[in-house]
Amino acid sequence: MVINMNQENKWIIDNLRNEFKQIQADRLVKIESERALEEKIGVGRQRIREVINQLVEEGLLIKYEGKGTYIAPYIKSQYVNLLCSPTIKSNDPFYNRLLMELTCYSAKNCINIVPLTLENISNGTSEFPLLMIGKLEEEDLKKIKSLFSMVISFENYPEHDDFIQIYFDHFKIGLNAAKVLSSYGHKRVIHITGPDKYASACYRRNGFIRGARKQGMEFTIITEKMNFEGGYRAGEVVAKLVREGKFTAVFAANDWMAIGMIQALKAKGLSVPRDVSVLSVDNIPLASQIAPNLTTYSLDANMMIAEVFSLMDRISDDSGYSVDKRIILRPILITRDTLQKI
C-alpha cells in the first residue's frame, strides 16, 4: 500500500523517517502512540495511521498485534544460511508464515539468504549464521554444530544449551489454554491434536494435560492430521461427545483443525459457541474471516525474526557475548466469537 503522497503527507513521512532513523538501534525500539504523534504533529489520527503504514511497508517500522509499533533494528550481517527441516509440511501455516516474513524482512534489509538442505549442508559458509527452521534429528544437529560457529533455531531443544533458541513455549500455550477455558466455566473439555512427531502438537498437548489436571477438568484427547480434513474427522467424534458426554469446549492444536471441526459440527446440527466453545492456535488470516470468528493464540512470526537479527547484531558487536541463549516469546490470545462463558 502506498498512501497519497501530497506535500503534507510527504513532509510528515520524511520527518518521521529521519526521526526514527536517528534513534534506530540494534534492538527493537518502541515508538510513541498514535495519540502522542497526533498531538505532536498536529494532524488527524487517520493520517498518522497512513504514515505509519507507509513506514511499515518500507521496512523501517514493525507492527506487533496487541503490543504496539517498533523501529526495526538495523542490520549489519549481510548473509545468513537457512536450513529447513525435511519434516516441515508444505501447507503448515506457521512455518509458511515464518518463511514468508523472513523473506520479506531480508529483502527490505538487503540480507542475502543462502538456502541449504541436509544433503548440501557442507556447502554453507561457516562464518555466516545458520538459521534452523523446524525440528532436526540429533545426528544432524551434531554435524551442523561442527560446521557453523553461530546456530540459531526457531525451535526448542531442551537438551541443548550450546546454540541460540528463539521460540514460542508450546507447552505453556497448552497450559494457558486449560486455564482460559476453566476461567470461562468449562470443566469438560476435548483436545484435538496432531501426531507426536510434530513437536508443537506434542508440547501443546502435554501442557494442556498438565493444565487440565491442575484446573480439575475432565478431558479427552482426539488425535488426527493437523489440517482441515483431520479437523473435520475429529469434529464428527466431537459432535458425539458433546451430545452424549456433555463436553462444553474444545482446544484445537491449530486453526485449520479448528476450522475443519467447526464445519463438521455445523453439518451435525451443532452451533459454536452456543453448544460448544472453541479455542485454537496460530491466528491464520482465515481465523478472523470465518463465521463465527475464531478465538486463537497469535504466534507473531515478525517478532521472532526481529529478535533473531537484533540478537545477531549484538553478538557481532560484543566478542564476549554468550551464545548459549534462549529467548522465549509470549503468544497473544485473540478473543473473538467462538469462546463464551457457561
Protein backbone atom coordinates (compact mmCIF):
# COMPACT_ATOMS: atom_id res chain seq x y z
CA MET A 1 0.00 0.00 0.00
CA VAL A 2 1.28 3.48 -0.89
CA ILE A 3 -0.52 6.44 0.63
CA ASN A 4 -1.49 9.60 -1.21
CA MET A 5 1.81 11.46 -1.43
CA ASN A 6 0.62 15.06 -1.26
CA GLN A 7 3.06 17.60 0.14
CA GLU A 8 1.78 17.37 3.71
CA ASN A 9 1.94 13.56 3.75
CA LYS A 10 5.42 13.64 2.24
CA TRP A 11 6.57 16.16 4.85
CA ILE A 12 5.25 14.02 7.72
CA ILE A 13 6.77 10.81 6.32
CA ASP A 14 10.17 12.41 5.67
CA ASN A 15 10.34 13.94 9.14
CA LEU A 16 9.24 10.80 10.98
CA ARG A 17 11.57 8.66 8.87
CA ASN A 18 14.51 10.88 9.80
CA GLU A 19 13.47 10.95 13.47
CA PHE A 20 13.11 7.18 13.69
CA LYS A 21 16.41 6.51 11.91
CA GLN A 22 18.20 8.73 14.43
CA ILE A 23 17.01 6.52 17.31
CA GLN A 24 17.22 3.22 15.42
CA ALA A 25 19.33 0.73 17.37
CA ASP A 26 20.46 -2.89 17.32
CA ARG A 27 17.26 -3.86 19.14
CA LEU A 28 13.57 -3.11 18.83
CA VAL A 29 12.66 0.45 19.86
CA LYS A 30 9.00 1.22 20.58
CA ILE A 31 7.66 4.43 19.04
CA GLU A 32 5.17 6.85 20.57
CA SER A 33 1.46 6.04 20.48
CA GLU A 34 -0.72 7.25 17.62
CA ARG A 35 -2.36 9.69 20.03
CA ALA A 36 1.02 11.16 21.05
CA LEU A 37 2.12 11.51 17.41
CA GLU A 38 -1.21 13.08 16.52
CA GLU A 39 -0.77 15.74 19.22
CA LYS A 40 2.91 16.32 18.40
CA ILE A 41 2.47 16.74 14.64
CA GLY A 42 -0.97 18.34 14.76
CA VAL A 43 -2.78 16.16 12.18
CA GLY A 44 -5.64 13.68 12.40
CA ARG A 45 -5.41 10.07 13.57
CA GLN A 46 -6.21 8.67 10.12
CA ARG A 47 -3.27 10.49 8.54
CA ILE A 48 -0.95 9.27 11.30
CA ARG A 49 -2.07 5.70 10.64
CA GLU A 50 -1.47 6.09 6.90
CA VAL A 51 2.03 7.41 7.52
CA ILE A 52 2.86 4.59 9.95
CA ASN A 53 1.56 2.00 7.46
CA GLN A 54 3.79 3.51 4.77
CA LEU A 55 6.86 3.22 7.03
CA VAL A 56 5.87 -0.37 7.83
CA GLU A 57 5.74 -1.05 4.09
CA GLU A 58 9.25 0.40 3.78
CA GLY A 59 10.50 -1.94 6.50
CA LEU A 60 11.52 0.81 8.93
CA LEU A 61 8.68 0.03 11.35
CA ILE A 62 7.23 -3.28 12.56
CA LYS A 63 3.70 -3.62 13.96
CA TYR A 64 3.01 -6.26 16.62
CA GLU A 65 -0.67 -7.02 17.13
CA GLY A 66 -1.65 -6.07 20.65
CA LYS A 67 1.80 -4.74 21.56
CA GLY A 68 2.43 -1.59 19.52
CA THR A 69 4.73 -0.37 16.74
CA TYR A 70 8.53 -0.61 16.84
CA ILE A 71 11.50 0.67 14.87
CA ALA A 72 13.14 -2.32 13.17
CA PRO A 73 16.70 -2.98 14.39
CA TYR A 74 19.42 -2.05 11.93
CA ILE A 75 21.21 -5.00 10.38
CA LYS A 76 24.94 -5.47 9.96
CA SER A 77 25.03 -9.13 8.91
CA GLN A 78 24.55 -9.27 5.16
CA TYR A 79 24.33 -13.04 4.71
CA VAL A 80 22.62 -15.87 6.58
CA ASN A 81 22.46 -19.58 5.89
CA LEU A 82 18.97 -21.08 6.08
CA LEU A 83 18.13 -24.73 6.76
CA CYS A 84 14.57 -26.07 6.88
CA SER A 85 13.79 -29.45 8.40
CA PRO A 86 12.61 -32.03 5.83
CA THR A 87 9.70 -32.86 8.18
CA ILE A 88 8.03 -29.47 7.60
CA LYS A 89 4.79 -29.85 5.66
CA SER A 90 4.33 -27.56 2.66
CA ASN A 91 0.91 -26.47 3.98
CA ASP A 92 1.94 -25.81 7.58
CA PRO A 93 0.50 -22.33 8.35
CA PHE A 94 3.06 -21.30 10.98
CA TYR A 95 6.17 -22.27 9.02
CA ASN A 96 4.76 -20.85 5.79
CA ARG A 97 4.14 -17.55 7.52
CA LEU A 98 7.59 -17.60 9.13
CA LEU A 99 9.35 -18.24 5.82
CA MET A 100 7.31 -15.59 4.03
CA GLU A 101 8.04 -12.96 6.68
CA LEU A 102 11.72 -13.93 6.78
CA THR A 103 11.95 -13.49 3.01
CA CYS A 104 10.20 -10.10 3.12
CA TYR A 105 12.30 -8.89 6.06
CA SER A 106 15.53 -9.93 4.36
CA ALA A 107 14.57 -8.25 1.07
CA LYS A 108 13.74 -4.98 2.83
CA ASN A 109 17.02 -5.02 4.77
CA CYS A 110 19.33 -6.20 1.96
CA ILE A 111 20.13 -9.51 3.64
CA ASN A 112 21.11 -12.40 1.40
CA ILE A 113 19.70 -15.80 2.33
CA VAL A 114 21.76 -18.87 1.39
CA PRO A 115 19.30 -21.83 1.31
CA LEU A 116 20.71 -25.18 2.39
CA THR A 117 19.48 -28.75 2.77
CA LEU A 118 20.81 -31.57 4.91
CA GLU A 119 22.35 -33.04 1.77
CA ASN A 120 24.37 -29.93 0.90
CA ILE A 121 24.86 -28.50 4.40
CA SER A 122 28.65 -28.60 3.94
CA ASN A 123 28.31 -26.04 1.14
CA GLY A 124 27.23 -23.37 3.62
CA THR A 125 29.56 -20.53 4.59
CA SER A 126 30.66 -21.17 8.16
CA GLU A 127 31.32 -17.52 9.06
CA PHE A 128 27.67 -16.66 8.38
CA PRO A 129 25.00 -17.54 10.95
CA LEU A 130 22.82 -20.58 10.28
CA LEU A 131 19.08 -20.25 10.89
CA MET A 132 17.29 -23.55 11.53
CA ILE A 133 13.54 -23.84 10.93
CA GLY A 134 11.72 -26.95 12.10
CA LYS A 135 12.83 -29.86 14.26
CA LEU A 136 16.02 -31.73 13.34
CA GLU A 137 17.46 -35.07 14.47
CA GLU A 138 20.32 -35.32 16.97
CA GLU A 139 22.74 -36.69 14.37
CA ASP A 140 22.02 -33.74 12.06
CA LEU A 141 22.42 -31.26 14.92
CA LYS A 142 25.84 -32.65 15.75
CA LYS A 143 27.02 -32.14 12.16
CA ILE A 144 25.53 -28.64 11.99
CA LYS A 145 27.25 -27.52 15.18
CA SER A 146 30.58 -28.76 13.88
CA LEU A 147 30.22 -26.67 10.71
CA PHE A 148 28.83 -23.34 11.94
CA SER A 149 30.05 -21.11 14.74
CA MET A 150 26.65 -19.40 15.19
CA VAL A 151 23.49 -21.51 15.05
CA ILE A 152 20.06 -20.05 15.73
CA SER A 153 17.00 -22.27 15.99
CA PHE A 154 13.32 -21.35 15.82
CA GLU A 155 12.54 -24.46 17.87
CA ASN A 156 13.09 -25.50 21.47
CA TYR A 157 15.75 -28.17 22.08
CA PRO A 158 15.55 -28.75 25.87
CA GLU A 159 18.67 -30.94 25.94
CA HIS A 160 20.90 -28.37 24.23
CA ASP A 161 22.37 -25.15 25.57
CA ASP A 162 25.20 -24.59 23.09
CA PHE A 163 23.26 -22.71 20.40
CA ILE A 164 20.66 -19.95 20.35
CA GLN A 165 16.99 -20.89 20.53
CA ILE A 166 14.16 -18.43 19.88
CA TYR A 167 10.72 -19.94 20.18
CA PHE A 168 7.18 -19.81 21.47
CA ASP A 169 6.68 -22.05 24.50
CA HIS A 170 4.12 -24.50 23.15
CA PHE A 171 3.88 -26.30 26.50
CA LYS A 172 2.79 -23.05 28.16
CA ILE A 173 0.30 -22.42 25.36
CA GLY A 174 -1.42 -25.69 26.25
CA LEU A 175 -1.14 -24.91 29.97
CA ASN A 176 -2.67 -21.47 29.47
CA ALA A 177 -5.43 -22.82 27.20
CA ALA A 178 -6.66 -25.05 30.04
CA LYS A 179 -6.58 -22.08 32.41
CA VAL A 180 -8.52 -19.85 30.00
CA LEU A 181 -11.19 -22.48 29.35
CA SER A 182 -11.55 -23.11 33.08
CA SER A 183 -11.96 -19.37 33.71
CA TYR A 184 -14.90 -19.44 31.27
CA GLY A 185 -16.52 -22.17 33.37
CA HIS A 186 -15.67 -25.15 31.13
CA LYS A 187 -14.92 -28.28 33.15
CA ARG A 188 -15.33 -30.96 30.47
CA VAL A 189 -13.04 -30.24 27.54
CA ILE A 190 -11.90 -32.03 24.36
CA HIS A 191 -8.43 -31.51 22.92
CA ILE A 192 -7.95 -32.28 19.23
CA THR A 193 -4.27 -32.57 18.35
CA GLY A 194 -1.76 -33.92 15.84
CA PRO A 195 0.70 -36.84 15.91
CA ASP A 196 3.63 -36.81 18.36
CA LYS A 197 6.12 -36.40 15.50
CA TYR A 198 5.12 -32.72 15.40
CA ALA A 199 6.87 -31.06 18.33
CA SER A 200 4.41 -28.18 18.64
CA ALA A 201 1.42 -30.54 18.85
CA CYS A 202 3.18 -32.74 21.40
CA TYR A 203 4.17 -29.83 23.66
CA ARG A 204 0.74 -28.19 23.43
CA ARG A 205 -0.96 -31.46 24.30
CA ASN A 206 1.32 -32.13 27.28
CA GLY A 207 0.85 -28.58 28.52
CA PHE A 208 -2.91 -28.88 28.17
CA ILE A 209 -2.98 -32.16 30.07
CA ARG A 210 -0.95 -30.63 32.89
CA GLY A 211 -3.18 -27.56 32.96
CA ALA A 212 -6.44 -29.53 32.79
CA ARG A 213 -5.41 -31.68 35.74
CA LYS A 214 -4.38 -28.60 37.69
CA GLN A 215 -7.77 -26.99 37.00
CA GLY A 216 -9.64 -30.16 37.97
CA MET A 217 -11.06 -30.54 34.45
CA GLU A 218 -12.28 -33.73 32.82
CA PHE A 219 -10.80 -34.09 29.35
CA THR A 220 -10.34 -36.41 26.41
CA ILE A 221 -7.79 -36.35 23.57
CA ILE A 222 -8.51 -36.92 19.86
CA THR A 223 -5.50 -37.32 17.54
CA GLU A 224 -5.83 -36.54 13.83
CA LYS A 225 -3.88 -34.94 11.00
CA MET A 226 -3.21 -31.26 11.63
CA ASN A 227 -5.22 -29.96 8.67
CA PHE A 228 -8.81 -29.17 7.66
CA GLU A 229 -9.63 -32.79 6.82
CA GLY A 230 -8.21 -34.03 10.12
CA GLY A 231 -10.22 -31.41 11.99
CA TYR A 232 -13.38 -32.40 10.11
CA ARG A 233 -12.93 -36.05 11.03
CA ALA A 234 -12.25 -35.09 14.64
CA GLY A 235 -15.40 -32.93 14.55
CA GLU A 236 -17.58 -35.96 13.89
CA VAL A 237 -16.27 -37.53 17.12
CA VAL A 238 -16.55 -34.21 18.97
CA ALA A 239 -20.22 -33.91 17.99
CA LYS A 240 -20.96 -37.26 19.61
CA LEU A 241 -19.02 -36.38 22.77
CA VAL A 242 -20.78 -33.02 23.08
CA ARG A 243 -24.21 -34.63 22.77
CA GLU A 244 -23.57 -37.73 24.89
CA GLY A 245 -20.77 -36.69 27.23
CA LYS A 246 -21.79 -33.12 27.99
CA PHE A 247 -18.41 -31.71 26.90
CA THR A 248 -18.66 -27.94 26.50
CA ALA A 249 -15.39 -26.80 24.92
CA VAL A 250 -12.62 -27.81 22.50
CA PHE A 251 -8.97 -26.79 22.46
CA ALA A 252 -7.61 -27.33 18.93
CA ALA A 253 -3.89 -27.74 18.20
CA ASN A 254 -4.10 -25.31 15.27
CA ASP A 255 -6.59 -23.16 13.38
CA TRP A 256 -7.01 -25.45 10.38
CA MET A 257 -8.08 -28.30 12.64
CA ALA A 258 -10.45 -25.94 14.47
CA ILE A 259 -12.00 -24.67 11.22
CA GLY A 260 -12.49 -28.19 9.86
CA MET A 261 -14.04 -29.27 13.16
CA ILE A 262 -16.43 -26.29 13.21
CA GLN A 263 -17.66 -27.22 9.73
CA ALA A 264 -18.26 -30.81 10.85
CA LEU A 265 -20.18 -29.60 13.92
CA LYS A 266 -22.39 -27.42 11.70
CA ALA A 267 -23.10 -30.44 9.49
CA LYS A 268 -24.17 -32.32 12.64
CA GLY A 269 -26.52 -29.53 13.68
CA LEU A 270 -24.35 -28.11 16.47
CA SER A 271 -23.59 -24.42 16.90
CA VAL A 272 -20.38 -22.72 18.00
CA PRO A 273 -20.25 -21.28 20.65
CA ARG A 274 -23.84 -21.98 21.75
CA ASP A 275 -23.32 -25.76 22.05
CA VAL A 276 -19.53 -25.86 22.34
CA SER A 277 -16.80 -23.23 22.68
CA VAL A 278 -13.60 -23.42 20.61
CA LEU A 279 -10.08 -22.16 21.37
CA SER A 280 -7.23 -22.62 18.90
CA VAL A 281 -3.64 -21.65 17.99
CA ASP A 282 -1.96 -19.80 15.05
CA ASN A 283 -4.24 -16.86 14.14
CA ILE A 284 -4.14 -17.57 10.40
CA PRO A 285 -5.92 -14.91 8.26
CA LEU A 286 -8.98 -17.14 7.84
CA ALA A 287 -9.49 -17.19 11.63
CA SER A 288 -10.93 -13.67 11.53
CA GLN A 289 -12.92 -14.26 8.33
CA ILE A 290 -14.98 -17.36 9.08
CA ALA A 291 -18.27 -17.24 10.94
CA PRO A 292 -18.06 -17.33 13.87
CA ASN A 293 -14.64 -15.62 14.12
CA LEU A 294 -12.14 -17.95 15.78
CA THR A 295 -10.66 -17.26 19.23
CA THR A 296 -7.00 -18.21 18.92
CA TYR A 297 -3.44 -17.58 20.06
CA SER A 298 -1.36 -15.38 17.76
CA LEU A 299 2.23 -16.51 17.17
CA ASP A 300 3.89 -13.44 15.66
CA ALA A 301 6.49 -14.52 13.09
CA ASN A 302 7.70 -10.92 12.75
CA MET A 303 8.56 -10.88 16.43
CA MET A 304 10.74 -13.98 16.05
CA ILE A 305 12.56 -12.57 13.02
CA ALA A 306 13.22 -9.19 14.63
CA GLU A 307 14.62 -10.93 17.72
CA VAL A 308 16.94 -13.05 15.56
CA PHE A 309 18.56 -10.17 13.71
CA SER A 310 18.68 -7.94 16.78
CA LEU A 311 20.49 -10.73 18.63
CA MET A 312 22.90 -11.35 15.74
CA ASP A 313 23.78 -7.67 15.70
CA ARG A 314 24.50 -7.56 19.43
CA ILE A 315 26.70 -10.65 19.22
CA SER A 316 28.74 -9.17 16.36
CA ASP A 317 29.37 -6.05 18.46
CA ASP A 318 30.44 -7.89 21.61
CA SER A 319 33.05 -10.62 21.33
CA GLY A 320 32.34 -11.69 24.90
CA TYR A 321 28.64 -12.25 24.31
CA SER A 322 27.46 -15.72 25.36
CA VAL A 323 25.78 -17.69 22.58
CA ASP A 324 24.01 -20.21 24.82
CA LYS A 325 20.85 -18.10 24.97
CA ARG A 326 17.15 -18.90 24.96
CA ILE A 327 14.54 -16.30 24.06
CA ILE A 328 11.02 -17.48 24.87
CA LEU A 329 8.30 -15.42 23.20
CA ARG A 330 4.79 -14.95 24.52
CA PRO A 331 1.78 -15.60 22.27
CA ILE A 332 -1.18 -13.21 22.37
CA LEU A 333 -4.70 -14.51 22.94
CA ILE A 334 -7.03 -13.01 20.32
CA THR A 335 -10.52 -13.26 21.80
CA ARG A 336 -13.26 -13.41 19.18
CA ASP A 337 -16.62 -15.20 18.87
CA THR A 338 -16.01 -18.92 19.45
CA LEU A 339 -15.44 -18.75 23.20
CA GLN A 340 -18.17 -17.96 25.71
CA LYS A 341 -18.81 -18.45 29.41
CA ILE A 342 -21.23 -21.08 30.69
